[in-house]
Amino acid sequence: MTSPAKDASGGGTSLALRLALAFLAVALAAVALLAILTAVLAASDVSALVNRQRTDLTAAVAVSASAAWERNNSWTHADLGPVLDLPDDDRAVTIETTRVWLASAGSTSAAATRLHLHRNTVRYRLRRLEELTNRSLANPLDVAELHVALECARMLGVA
């Protein structure tokens, strides 16, 4: 006769053990489902964060452009007037150096490498830009305004 704790085959597996294994399988499936839901929610959170950052960046550019416009009724001349007044060659070199420096995340070494120049040459050109525009490239707001002015000048075909 088989005991109630053993299965019908007489293999010795208790009903309690089978129930515990079934519960464990259900729990593992629930954990896997929670992991999937967490990943999906995290992905939507990242998407929302990216959208919020894009909106914040757009607002920052709009504020910067507005500040530049209020000074001289022009986005380009508010910051780049003295640079745009330079002789053609000097203007082109100054603007190219500034654009490459901005694209290099403010790294003079990276900009120098991309321009095939010594980094001190890049530093000299950026100091000249600061003197001409009366802006500090150490000030994030000044950098943002110069960047907006450069983009406006590019879109208008001025620089």
C-alpha atoms as a PDB file:
ATOM      1  CA  MET A   1       0.000   0.000   0.000  1.00  0.00           C
ATOM      2  CA  THR A   2       1.279   3.473  -0.835  1.00  0.00           C
ATOM      3  CA  SER A   3       1.407   6.172   1.752  1.00  0.00           C
ATOM      4  CA  PRO A   4      -0.354   9.476   1.089  1.00  0.00           C
ATOM      5  CA  ALA A   5       3.036  11.236   1.078  1.00  0.00           C
ATOM      6  CA  LYS A   6       4.215   9.218  -1.927  1.00  0.00           C
ATOM      7  CA  ASP A   7       3.007   9.505  -5.486  1.00  0.00           C
ATOM      8  CA  ALA A   8       1.163   6.674  -7.219  1.00  0.00           C
ATOM      9  CA  SER A   9       4.302   5.401  -8.937  1.00  0.00           C
ATOM     10  CA  GLY A  10       5.959   4.722  -5.603  1.00  0.00           C
ATOM     11  CA  GLY A  11       8.942   6.893  -6.517  1.00  0.00           C
ATOM     12  CA  GLY A  12       8.923   8.645  -3.138  1.00  0.00           C
ATOM     13  CA  THR A  13       8.145  12.173  -4.350  1.00  0.00           C
ATOM     14  CA  SER A  14       5.904  13.729  -1.811  1.00  0.00           C
ATOM     15  CA  LEU A  15       2.877  15.762  -2.683  1.00  0.00           C
ATOM     16  CA  ALA A  16       4.275  18.626  -0.599  1.00  0.00           C
ATOM     17  CA  LEU A  17       7.479  18.648  -2.617  1.00  0.00           C
ATOM     18  CA  ARG A  18       5.566  18.665  -5.913  1.00  0.00           C
ATOM     19  CA  LEU A  19       3.407  21.529  -4.664  1.00  0.00           C
ATOM     20  CA  ALA A  20       6.513  23.424  -3.540  1.00  0.00           C
ATOM     21  CA  LEU A  21       8.127  22.925  -6.962  1.00  0.00           C
ATOM     22  CA  ALA A  22       4.960  24.057  -8.733  1.00  0.00           C
ATOM     23  CA  PHE A  23       4.772  27.128  -6.490  1.00  0.00           C
ATOM     24  CA  LEU A  24       8.436  27.848  -7.198  1.00  0.00           C
ATOM     25  CA  ALA A  25       7.821  27.602 -10.959  1.00  0.00           C
ATOM     26  CA  VAL A  26       4.894  30.018 -10.691  1.00  0.00           C
ATOM     27  CA  ALA A  27       6.991  32.398  -8.566  1.00  0.00           C
ATOM     28  CA  LEU A  28       9.836  32.306 -11.098  1.00  0.00           C
ATOM     29  CA  ALA A  29       7.405  33.008 -13.913  1.00  0.00           C
ATOM     30  CA  ALA A  30       6.027  35.956 -11.921  1.00  0.00           C
ATOM     31  CA  VAL A  31       9.553  37.279 -11.338  1.00  0.00           C
ATOM     32  CA  ALA A  32      10.304  36.965 -15.066  1.00  0.00           C
ATOM     33  CA  LEU A  33       7.070  38.790 -15.880  1.00  0.00           C
ATOM     34  CA  LEU A  34       7.956  41.550 -13.397  1.00  0.00           C
ATOM     35  CA  ALA A  35      11.411  41.856 -14.973  1.00  0.00           C
ATOM     36  CA  ILE A  36       9.859  42.218 -18.422  1.00  0.00           C
ATOM     37  CA  LEU A  37       7.341  44.793 -17.175  1.00  0.00           C
ATOM     38  CA  THR A  38      10.124  46.710 -15.419  1.00  0.00           C
ATOM     39  CA  ALA A  39      12.185  46.760 -18.618  1.00  0.00           C
ATOM     40  CA  VAL A  40       9.204  47.985 -20.640  1.00  0.00           C
ATOM     41  CA  LEU A  41       8.394  50.670 -18.085  1.00  0.00           C
ATOM     42  CA  ALA A  42      12.057  51.682 -17.872  1.00  0.00           C
ATOM     43  CA  ALA A  43      12.155  52.004 -21.658  1.00  0.00           C
ATOM     44  CA  SER A  44       9.098  54.238 -21.603  1.00  0.00           C
ATOM     45  CA  ASP A  45      10.649  56.243 -18.748  1.00  0.00           C
ATOM     46  CA  VAL A  46      13.827  56.700 -20.815  1.00  0.00           C
ATOM     47  CA  SER A  47      11.738  57.788 -23.772  1.00  0.00           C
ATOM     48  CA  ALA A  48       9.880  60.279 -21.590  1.00  0.00           C
ATOM     49  CA  LEU A  49      13.194  61.519 -20.171  1.00  0.00           C
ATOM     50  CA  VAL A  50      14.635  62.007 -23.662  1.00  0.00           C
ATOM     51  CA  ASN A  51      11.514  63.901 -24.738  1.00  0.00           C
ATOM     52  CA  ARG A  52      11.661  66.063 -21.607  1.00  0.00           C
ATOM     53  CA  GLN A  53      15.365  66.813 -22.186  1.00  0.00           C
ATOM     54  CA  ARG A  54      14.651  67.685 -25.817  1.00  0.00           C
ATOM     55  CA  THR A  55      11.898  70.050 -24.681  1.00  0.00           C
ATOM     56  CA  ASP A  56      14.185  71.585 -22.035  1.00  0.00           C
ATOM     57  CA  LEU A  57      16.969  72.051 -24.601  1.00  0.00           C
ATOM     58  CA  THR A  58      14.564  73.672 -27.043  1.00  0.00           C
ATOM     59  CA  ALA A  59      13.390  76.035 -24.309  1.00  0.00           C
ATOM     60  CA  ALA A  60      17.001  76.871 -23.388  1.00  0.00           C
ATOM     61  CA  VAL A  61      17.846  77.648 -27.013  1.00  0.00           C
ATOM     62  CA  ALA A  62      14.712  79.796 -27.309  1.00  0.00           C
ATOM     63  CA  VAL A  63      15.641  81.755 -24.167  1.00  0.00           C
ATOM     64  CA  SER A  64      19.197  82.182 -25.398  1.00  0.00           C
ATOM     65  CA  ALA A  65      18.026  83.326 -28.827  1.00  0.00           C
ATOM     66  CA  SER A  66      15.559  85.709 -27.213  1.00  0.00           C
ATOM     67  CA  ALA A  67      18.279  87.224 -25.035  1.00  0.00           C
ATOM     68  CA  ALA A  68      20.528  87.654 -28.057  1.00  0.00           C
ATOM     69  CA  TRP A  69      17.694  89.211 -30.081  1.00  0.00           C
ATOM     70  CA  GLU A  70      16.788  91.691 -27.346  1.00  0.00           C
ATOM     71  CA  ARG A  71      20.313  93.114 -27.321  1.00  0.00           C
ATOM     72  CA  ASN A  72      20.539  94.097 -30.993  1.00  0.00           C
ATOM     73  CA  ASN A  73      17.375  92.986 -32.800  1.00  0.00           C
ATOM     74  CA  SER A  74      19.488  90.366 -34.555  1.00  0.00           C
ATOM     75  CA  TRP A  75      20.512  86.879 -33.556  1.00  0.00           C
ATOM     76  CA  THR A  76      23.753  86.931 -35.480  1.00  0.00           C
ATOM     77  CA  HIS A  77      24.989  90.436 -34.790  1.00  0.00           C
ATOM     78  CA  ALA A  78      24.135  90.223 -31.090  1.00  0.00           C
ATOM     79  CA  ASP A  79      27.098  87.933 -30.596  1.00  0.00           C
ATOM     80  CA  LEU A  80      28.984  87.677 -33.861  1.00  0.00           C
ATOM     81  CA  GLY A  81      28.961  91.262 -35.141  1.00  0.00           C
ATOM     82  CA  PRO A  82      32.693  91.867 -34.580  1.00  0.00           C
ATOM     83  CA  VAL A  83      33.549  88.424 -35.985  1.00  0.00           C
ATOM     84  CA  LEU A  84      31.417  88.991 -39.072  1.00  0.00           C
ATOM     85  CA  ASP A  85      33.217  92.315 -39.604  1.00  0.00           C
ATOM     86  CA  LEU A  86      36.607  90.564 -39.878  1.00  0.00           C
ATOM     87  CA  PRO A  87      38.268  90.124 -43.282  1.00  0.00           C
ATOM     88  CA  ASP A  88      36.949  87.049 -45.081  1.00  0.00           C
ATOM     89  CA  ASP A  89      39.892  84.755 -44.292  1.00  0.00           C
ATOM     90  CA  ASP A  90      40.039  85.708 -40.596  1.00  0.00           C
ATOM     91  CA  ARG A  91      36.267  85.383 -40.273  1.00  0.00           C
ATOM     92  CA  ALA A  92      36.259  81.921 -41.858  1.00  0.00           C
ATOM     93  CA  VAL A  93      39.101  80.673 -39.642  1.00  0.00           C
ATOM     94  CA  THR A  94      37.514  82.046 -36.456  1.00  0.00           C
ATOM     95  CA  ILE A  95      34.092  80.599 -37.236  1.00  0.00           C
ATOM     96  CA  GLU A  96      35.447  77.214 -38.307  1.00  0.00           C
ATOM     97  CA  THR A  97      37.585  76.941 -35.178  1.00  0.00           C
ATOM     98  CA  THR A  98      34.618  77.848 -32.979  1.00  0.00           C
ATOM     99  CA  ARG A  99      32.304  75.352 -34.682  1.00  0.00           C
ATOM    100  CA  VAL A 100      34.830  72.534 -34.412  1.00  0.00           C
ATOM    101  CA  TRP A 101      35.496  73.413 -30.755  1.00  0.00           C
ATOM    102  CA  LEU A 102      31.743  73.319 -30.035  1.00  0.00           C
ATOM    103  CA  ALA A 103      31.409  69.994 -31.901  1.00  0.00           C
ATOM    104  CA  SER A 104      34.316  68.672 -29.814  1.00  0.00           C
ATOM    105  CA  ALA A 105      32.410  69.381 -26.589  1.00  0.00           C
ATOM    106  CA  GLY A 106      34.714  72.252 -25.687  1.00  0.00           C
ATOM    107  CA  SER A 107      37.920  70.230 -25.926  1.00  0.00           C
ATOM    108  CA  THR A 108      40.771  72.265 -27.399  1.00  0.00           C
ATOM    109  CA  SER A 109      42.852  69.111 -27.868  1.00  0.00           C
ATOM    110  CA  ALA A 110      40.097  67.331 -29.798  1.00  0.00           C
ATOM    111  CA  ALA A 111      39.420  70.456 -31.868  1.00  0.00           C
ATOM    112  CA  ALA A 112      43.138  70.809 -32.616  1.00  0.00           C
ATOM    113  CA  THR A 113      43.290  67.196 -33.776  1.00  0.00           C
ATOM    114  CA  ARG A 114      40.278  67.642 -36.061  1.00  0.00           C
ATOM    115  CA  LEU A 115      41.692  70.901 -37.466  1.00  0.00           C
ATOM    116  CA  HIS A 116      45.244  69.521 -37.777  1.00  0.00           C
ATOM    117  CA  LEU A 117      46.562  72.322 -35.576  1.00  0.00           C
ATOM    118  CA  HIS A 118      48.481  72.644 -32.333  1.00  0.00           C
ATOM    119  CA  ARG A 119      46.103  73.046 -29.399  1.00  0.00           C
ATOM    120  CA  ASN A 120      47.719  76.378 -28.496  1.00  0.00           C
ATOM    121  CA  THR A 121      46.657  77.689 -31.925  1.00  0.00           C
ATOM    122  CA  VAL A 122      43.067  76.695 -31.123  1.00  0.00           C
ATOM    123  CA  ARG A 123      43.354  78.365 -27.708  1.00  0.00           C
ATOM    124  CA  TYR A 124      44.683  81.542 -29.319  1.00  0.00           C
ATOM    125  CA  ARG A 125      41.811  81.636 -31.813  1.00  0.00           C
ATOM    126  CA  LEU A 126      39.234  81.053 -29.073  1.00  0.00           C
ATOM    127  CA  ARG A 127      40.753  83.804 -26.903  1.00  0.00           C
ATOM    128  CA  ARG A 128      40.496  86.120 -29.905  1.00  0.00           C
ATOM    129  CA  LEU A 129      36.831  85.137 -30.281  1.00  0.00           C
ATOM    130  CA  GLU A 130      36.270  85.949 -26.603  1.00  0.00           C
ATOM    131  CA  GLU A 131      37.913  89.363 -27.048  1.00  0.00           C
ATOM    132  CA  LEU A 132      35.934  90.152 -30.192  1.00  0.00           C
ATOM    133  CA  THR A 133      32.569  89.108 -28.775  1.00  0.00           C
ATOM    134  CA  ASN A 134      33.184  90.150 -25.179  1.00  0.00           C
ATOM    135  CA  ARG A 135      32.053  86.658 -24.158  1.00  0.00           C
ATOM    136  CA  SER A 136      33.659  84.017 -21.959  1.00  0.00           C
ATOM    137  CA  LEU A 137      33.777  80.468 -23.268  1.00  0.00           C
ATOM    138  CA  ALA A 138      33.970  79.369 -19.629  1.00  0.00           C
ATOM    139  CA  ASN A 139      30.407  80.670 -19.156  1.00  0.00           C
ATOM    140  CA  PRO A 140      27.813  78.128 -20.391  1.00  0.00           C
ATOM    141  CA  LEU A 141      25.251  80.844 -21.186  1.00  0.00           C
ATOM    142  CA  ASP A 142      27.782  82.748 -23.307  1.00  0.00           C
ATOM    143  CA  VAL A 143      28.699  79.513 -25.117  1.00  0.00           C
ATOM    144  CA  ALA A 144      24.999  78.759 -25.732  1.00  0.00           C
ATOM    145  CA  GLU A 145      24.374  82.247 -27.106  1.00  0.00           C
ATOM    146  CA  LEU A 146      27.415  82.051 -29.380  1.00  0.00           C
ATOM    147  CA  HIS A 147      26.289  78.631 -30.587  1.00  0.00           C
ATOM    148  CA  VAL A 148      22.788  79.932 -31.363  1.00  0.00           C
ATOM    149  CA  ALA A 149      24.291  82.945 -33.155  1.00  0.00           C
ATOM    150  CA  LEU A 150      26.566  80.674 -35.214  1.00  0.00           C
ATOM    151  CA  GLU A 151      23.643  78.453 -36.176  1.00  0.00           C
ATOM    152  CA  CYS A 152      21.536  81.466 -37.136  1.00  0.00           C
ATOM    153  CA  ALA A 153      24.420  82.849 -39.209  1.00  0.00           C
ATOM    154  CA  ARG A 154      24.830  79.461 -40.901  1.00  0.00           C
ATOM    155  CA  MET A 155      21.106  79.204 -41.676  1.00  0.00           C
ATOM    156  CA  LEU A 156      21.028  82.768 -42.995  1.00  0.00           C
ATOM    157  CA  GLY A 157      24.121  82.120 -45.115  1.00  0.00           C
ATOM    158  CA  VAL A 158      26.058  84.889 -43.378  1.00  0.00           C
ATOM    159  CA  ALA A 159      28.765  82.647 -41.950  1.00  0.00           C
END
